């Protein structure tokens, strides 16, 4: 028996509920990246990044592949980038009274376009 759609959506949003996972997805919007590049951009231990990448891979949000000796990660679909952009727009609307965070969101939005 399959799970209801609302339950599958809740599981997907739980997957996105970790700052390291969100940062990985943000970085992968620019295209596939090797693990070493992700590590240089994210201030976490290699084992922690590996755990977070495994969660993203298990849920199908990212895919991994080998390129020579490198393990590369990529978004599984461009819709993931669209979801992140929607999150920034929602935060922009909700947090319009918080100037610092709003400025950061606007800077990211400008960079996305």
N, C-alpha and C. Protein backbone atom coordinates (compact mmCIF):
# COMPACT_ATOMS: atom_id res chain seq x y z
N UNK A 1 0.85 -1.18 0.00
CA UNK A 1 0.00 0.00 0.00
C UNK A 1 0.90 1.25 0.00
N UNK A 2 0.62 2.16 -0.88
CA UNK A 2 1.44 3.37 -0.97
C UNK A 2 1.01 4.39 0.08
N UNK A 3 1.93 5.30 0.37
CA UNK A 3 1.63 6.34 1.35
C UNK A 3 0.82 7.45 0.68
N UNK A 4 0.00 8.15 1.45
CA UNK A 4 -0.76 9.26 0.87
C UNK A 4 0.19 10.36 0.41
N UNK A 5 -0.24 11.12 -0.58
CA UNK A 5 0.58 12.18 -1.15
C UNK A 5 1.02 13.17 -0.08
N UNK A 6 0.12 13.56 0.83
CA UNK A 6 0.49 14.53 1.86
C UNK A 6 1.60 14.01 2.74
N UNK A 7 1.61 12.69 2.99
CA UNK A 7 2.67 12.10 3.80
C UNK A 7 4.00 12.10 3.05
N UNK A 8 3.96 11.81 1.75
CA UNK A 8 5.18 11.85 0.94
C UNK A 8 5.74 13.27 0.88
N UNK A 9 4.85 14.26 0.77
CA UNK A 9 5.30 15.66 0.76
C UNK A 9 5.93 16.03 2.10
N UNK A 10 5.32 15.60 3.18
CA UNK A 10 5.86 15.89 4.51
C UNK A 10 7.26 15.30 4.66
N UNK A 11 7.46 14.10 4.15
CA UNK A 11 8.77 13.46 4.23
C UNK A 11 9.80 14.25 3.41
N UNK A 12 9.39 14.73 2.25
CA UNK A 12 10.31 15.51 1.43
C UNK A 12 10.71 16.80 2.15
N UNK A 13 9.73 17.48 2.76
CA UNK A 13 10.05 18.71 3.48
C UNK A 13 10.90 18.44 4.73
N UNK A 14 10.70 17.29 5.37
CA UNK A 14 11.57 16.92 6.49
C UNK A 14 13.01 16.76 6.00
N UNK A 15 13.16 16.18 4.82
CA UNK A 15 14.49 16.03 4.22
C UNK A 15 15.15 17.38 4.05
N UNK A 16 14.39 18.39 3.71
CA UNK A 16 14.94 19.73 3.48
C UNK A 16 15.13 20.50 4.78
N UNK A 17 14.78 19.92 5.89
CA UNK A 17 14.80 20.61 7.17
C UNK A 17 16.14 20.60 7.90
N UNK A 18 17.23 20.62 7.17
CA UNK A 18 18.54 20.66 7.81
C UNK A 18 19.40 21.69 7.09
N UNK A 19 20.05 22.59 7.82
CA UNK A 19 20.82 23.66 7.18
C UNK A 19 21.93 23.17 6.24
N UNK A 20 22.60 22.08 6.59
CA UNK A 20 23.65 21.58 5.71
C UNK A 20 23.05 21.08 4.41
N UNK A 21 21.93 20.41 4.49
CA UNK A 21 21.28 19.91 3.27
C UNK A 21 20.85 21.06 2.37
N UNK A 22 20.29 22.09 2.96
CA UNK A 22 19.89 23.26 2.17
C UNK A 22 21.11 23.89 1.51
N UNK A 23 22.20 24.01 2.25
CA UNK A 23 23.41 24.62 1.67
C UNK A 23 23.95 23.77 0.53
N UNK A 24 23.93 22.46 0.67
CA UNK A 24 24.35 21.57 -0.42
C UNK A 24 23.50 21.83 -1.66
N UNK A 25 22.19 21.88 -1.48
CA UNK A 25 21.30 22.09 -2.61
C UNK A 25 21.54 23.45 -3.27
N UNK A 26 21.78 24.46 -2.45
CA UNK A 26 22.09 25.79 -3.00
C UNK A 26 23.35 25.72 -3.87
N UNK A 27 24.37 25.05 -3.38
CA UNK A 27 25.62 24.96 -4.14
C UNK A 27 25.44 24.15 -5.42
N UNK A 28 24.62 23.12 -5.38
CA UNK A 28 24.42 22.28 -6.56
C UNK A 28 23.56 22.94 -7.63
N UNK A 29 22.94 24.05 -7.31
CA UNK A 29 22.16 24.77 -8.32
C UNK A 29 23.06 25.22 -9.48
N UNK A 30 24.33 25.45 -9.21
CA UNK A 30 25.27 25.89 -10.24
C UNK A 30 25.74 24.74 -11.13
N UNK A 31 25.39 23.51 -10.76
CA UNK A 31 25.79 22.35 -11.54
C UNK A 31 26.45 21.31 -10.66
N UNK A 32 26.76 20.15 -11.24
CA UNK A 32 27.37 19.07 -10.47
C UNK A 32 28.68 19.52 -9.82
N UNK A 33 28.90 19.02 -8.61
CA UNK A 33 30.12 19.38 -7.87
C UNK A 33 30.68 18.15 -7.19
N UNK A 34 32.01 18.07 -7.11
CA UNK A 34 32.61 16.96 -6.36
C UNK A 34 32.50 17.22 -4.86
N UNK A 35 32.57 16.16 -4.11
CA UNK A 35 32.46 16.25 -2.66
C UNK A 35 33.49 17.22 -2.09
N UNK A 36 34.71 17.19 -2.60
CA UNK A 36 35.76 18.05 -2.05
C UNK A 36 35.40 19.53 -2.19
N UNK A 37 34.72 19.91 -3.29
CA UNK A 37 34.29 21.30 -3.46
C UNK A 37 33.19 21.65 -2.46
N UNK A 38 32.29 20.72 -2.23
CA UNK A 38 31.22 20.96 -1.25
C UNK A 38 31.84 21.14 0.14
N UNK A 39 32.81 20.31 0.47
CA UNK A 39 33.47 20.42 1.77
C UNK A 39 34.17 21.76 1.95
N UNK A 40 34.76 22.28 0.87
CA UNK A 40 35.47 23.55 0.99
C UNK A 40 34.50 24.72 1.18
N UNK A 41 33.25 24.55 0.79
CA UNK A 41 32.25 25.61 0.89
C UNK A 41 31.39 25.53 2.15
N UNK A 42 31.35 24.35 2.77
CA UNK A 42 30.47 24.12 3.91
C UNK A 42 31.33 23.77 5.12
N UNK A 43 31.13 24.45 6.20
CA UNK A 43 31.94 24.26 7.40
C UNK A 43 31.40 23.11 8.25
N UNK A 44 31.63 21.88 7.76
CA UNK A 44 31.23 20.68 8.51
C UNK A 44 32.33 19.63 8.35
N UNK A 45 32.30 18.66 9.23
CA UNK A 45 33.23 17.53 9.15
C UNK A 45 32.85 16.67 7.94
N UNK A 46 33.83 16.04 7.31
CA UNK A 46 33.53 15.18 6.16
C UNK A 46 32.48 14.11 6.46
N UNK A 47 32.53 13.53 7.65
CA UNK A 47 31.54 12.49 7.99
C UNK A 47 30.13 13.06 8.06
N UNK A 48 29.99 14.30 8.56
CA UNK A 48 28.67 14.94 8.63
C UNK A 48 28.16 15.22 7.23
N UNK A 49 29.02 15.74 6.36
CA UNK A 49 28.59 16.00 4.98
C UNK A 49 28.18 14.71 4.30
N UNK A 50 28.94 13.66 4.53
CA UNK A 50 28.62 12.37 3.94
C UNK A 50 27.24 11.88 4.38
N UNK A 51 26.93 12.05 5.67
CA UNK A 51 25.61 11.65 6.18
C UNK A 51 24.50 12.46 5.51
N UNK A 52 24.72 13.77 5.38
CA UNK A 52 23.68 14.62 4.80
C UNK A 52 23.50 14.32 3.31
N UNK A 53 24.58 14.06 2.61
CA UNK A 53 24.48 13.69 1.20
C UNK A 53 23.75 12.36 1.04
N UNK A 54 23.98 11.44 1.95
CA UNK A 54 23.29 10.15 1.91
C UNK A 54 21.78 10.33 2.07
N UNK A 55 21.37 11.21 2.97
CA UNK A 55 19.94 11.48 3.16
C UNK A 55 19.35 12.06 1.87
N UNK A 56 20.03 13.04 1.29
CA UNK A 56 19.54 13.67 0.06
C UNK A 56 19.48 12.66 -1.09
N UNK A 57 20.45 11.79 -1.14
CA UNK A 57 20.50 10.77 -2.20
C UNK A 57 19.38 9.74 -2.02
N UNK A 58 19.19 9.28 -0.77
CA UNK A 58 18.14 8.27 -0.49
C UNK A 58 16.76 8.78 -0.85
N UNK A 59 16.53 10.06 -0.63
CA UNK A 59 15.20 10.61 -0.91
C UNK A 59 15.06 11.06 -2.36
N UNK A 60 16.13 10.94 -3.14
CA UNK A 60 16.04 11.25 -4.57
C UNK A 60 16.17 12.71 -4.92
N UNK A 61 16.57 13.55 -3.97
CA UNK A 61 16.70 14.98 -4.23
C UNK A 61 18.00 15.27 -4.99
N UNK A 62 19.03 14.47 -4.72
CA UNK A 62 20.29 14.57 -5.46
C UNK A 62 20.65 13.19 -6.02
N UNK A 63 21.51 13.22 -7.02
CA UNK A 63 22.06 11.99 -7.58
C UNK A 63 23.57 12.09 -7.49
N UNK A 64 24.22 10.94 -7.45
CA UNK A 64 25.68 10.92 -7.42
C UNK A 64 26.17 10.07 -8.59
N UNK A 65 27.36 10.40 -9.04
CA UNK A 65 27.99 9.64 -10.11
C UNK A 65 29.49 9.84 -10.02
N UNK A 66 30.22 8.96 -10.66
CA UNK A 66 31.68 9.07 -10.67
C UNK A 66 32.12 9.77 -11.95
N UNK A 67 33.10 10.64 -11.78
CA UNK A 67 33.75 11.29 -12.91
C UNK A 67 35.25 11.09 -12.69
N UNK A 68 35.78 10.06 -13.31
CA UNK A 68 37.16 9.67 -13.02
C UNK A 68 37.22 9.17 -11.59
N UNK A 69 38.10 9.78 -10.80
CA UNK A 69 38.23 9.39 -9.40
C UNK A 69 37.36 10.20 -8.46
N UNK A 70 36.56 11.11 -8.99
CA UNK A 70 35.75 11.99 -8.14
C UNK A 70 34.32 11.49 -8.03
N UNK A 71 33.76 11.61 -6.84
CA UNK A 71 32.32 11.38 -6.66
C UNK A 71 31.66 12.73 -6.81
N UNK A 72 30.77 12.82 -7.79
CA UNK A 72 30.08 14.07 -8.11
C UNK A 72 28.63 13.98 -7.62
N UNK A 73 28.10 15.13 -7.23
CA UNK A 73 26.70 15.22 -6.84
C UNK A 73 26.02 16.28 -7.70
N UNK A 74 24.74 16.04 -7.98
CA UNK A 74 23.96 16.98 -8.78
C UNK A 74 22.51 16.93 -8.31
N UNK A 75 21.78 18.00 -8.56
CA UNK A 75 20.34 17.99 -8.30
C UNK A 75 19.70 16.96 -9.20
N UNK A 76 18.73 16.24 -8.69
CA UNK A 76 18.08 15.20 -9.49
C UNK A 76 17.16 15.78 -10.55
N UNK A 77 16.68 16.99 -10.32
CA UNK A 77 15.78 17.66 -11.25
C UNK A 77 15.88 19.17 -11.04
N UNK A 78 15.70 19.96 -12.08
CA UNK A 78 15.72 21.42 -11.91
C UNK A 78 14.61 21.92 -10.98
N UNK A 79 13.60 21.11 -10.76
CA UNK A 79 12.51 21.50 -9.86
C UNK A 79 13.01 21.75 -8.43
N UNK A 80 14.11 21.10 -8.05
CA UNK A 80 14.68 21.34 -6.71
C UNK A 80 15.13 22.79 -6.60
N UNK A 81 15.78 23.30 -7.65
CA UNK A 81 16.20 24.71 -7.66
C UNK A 81 14.98 25.63 -7.62
N UNK A 82 13.92 25.24 -8.32
CA UNK A 82 12.68 26.04 -8.29
C UNK A 82 12.10 26.08 -6.88
N UNK A 83 12.15 24.95 -6.18
CA UNK A 83 11.64 24.89 -4.81
C UNK A 83 12.45 25.80 -3.89
N UNK A 84 13.77 25.81 -4.05
CA UNK A 84 14.61 26.69 -3.24
C UNK A 84 14.29 28.16 -3.53
N UNK A 85 14.06 28.48 -4.80
CA UNK A 85 13.71 29.86 -5.17
C UNK A 85 12.36 30.24 -4.57
N UNK A 86 11.41 29.30 -4.59
CA UNK A 86 10.11 29.58 -3.98
C UNK A 86 10.27 29.82 -2.48
N UNK A 87 11.14 29.06 -1.83
CA UNK A 87 11.39 29.27 -0.41
C UNK A 87 11.94 30.66 -0.13
N UNK A 88 12.86 31.12 -1.00
CA UNK A 88 13.39 32.47 -0.82
C UNK A 88 12.30 33.52 -0.99
N UNK A 89 11.42 33.31 -1.97
CA UNK A 89 10.32 34.28 -2.18
C UNK A 89 9.38 34.30 -0.98
N UNK A 90 9.06 33.13 -0.46
CA UNK A 90 8.17 33.06 0.70
C UNK A 90 8.82 33.73 1.90
N UNK A 91 10.09 33.44 2.14
CA UNK A 91 10.80 34.10 3.25
C UNK A 91 10.82 35.61 3.06
N UNK A 92 11.02 36.05 1.83
CA UNK A 92 11.02 37.49 1.55
C UNK A 92 9.70 38.13 1.91
N UNK A 93 8.60 37.45 1.62
CA UNK A 93 7.28 37.99 1.94
C UNK A 93 7.01 37.95 3.44
N UNK A 94 7.41 36.88 4.09
CA UNK A 94 7.13 36.69 5.51
C UNK A 94 8.05 37.55 6.38
N UNK A 95 9.28 37.72 5.95
CA UNK A 95 10.27 38.39 6.78
C UNK A 95 10.57 39.82 6.32
N UNK A 96 9.63 40.44 5.68
CA UNK A 96 9.90 41.77 5.12
C UNK A 96 10.28 42.79 6.19
N UNK A 97 9.99 42.51 7.44
CA UNK A 97 10.35 43.44 8.51
C UNK A 97 11.74 43.18 9.09
N UNK A 98 12.42 42.18 8.61
CA UNK A 98 13.76 41.86 9.10
C UNK A 98 14.78 42.23 8.02
N UNK A 99 15.27 43.45 8.09
CA UNK A 99 16.07 44.03 7.02
C UNK A 99 17.30 43.22 6.62
N UNK A 100 18.05 42.74 7.56
CA UNK A 100 19.29 42.03 7.25
C UNK A 100 19.05 40.77 6.44
N UNK A 101 18.12 39.94 6.90
CA UNK A 101 17.82 38.70 6.20
C UNK A 101 17.19 39.00 4.85
N UNK A 102 16.35 40.01 4.78
CA UNK A 102 15.73 40.38 3.53
C UNK A 102 16.77 40.81 2.50
N UNK A 103 17.76 41.58 2.91
CA UNK A 103 18.82 42.01 2.00
C UNK A 103 19.59 40.80 1.47
N UNK A 104 19.85 39.83 2.34
CA UNK A 104 20.55 38.62 1.91
C UNK A 104 19.72 37.83 0.90
N UNK A 105 18.42 37.72 1.17
CA UNK A 105 17.53 37.02 0.23
C UNK A 105 17.51 37.72 -1.12
N UNK A 106 17.45 39.05 -1.12
CA UNK A 106 17.44 39.79 -2.37
C UNK A 106 18.74 39.58 -3.15
N UNK A 107 19.86 39.54 -2.43
CA UNK A 107 21.15 39.32 -3.09
C UNK A 107 21.18 37.94 -3.75
N UNK A 108 20.64 36.93 -3.06
CA UNK A 108 20.60 35.58 -3.63
C UNK A 108 19.65 35.54 -4.83
N UNK A 109 18.52 36.22 -4.73
CA UNK A 109 17.56 36.24 -5.84
C UNK A 109 18.17 36.87 -7.07
N UNK A 110 18.91 37.96 -6.88
CA UNK A 110 19.55 38.63 -8.00
C UNK A 110 20.60 37.71 -8.64
N UNK A 111 21.29 36.95 -7.80
CA UNK A 111 22.31 36.04 -8.31
C UNK A 111 21.69 34.87 -9.07
N UNK A 112 20.47 34.48 -8.71
CA UNK A 112 19.78 33.37 -9.37
C UNK A 112 19.31 33.74 -10.76
N UNK A 113 19.12 35.01 -11.01
CA UNK A 113 18.54 35.40 -12.30
C UNK A 113 19.57 35.77 -13.30
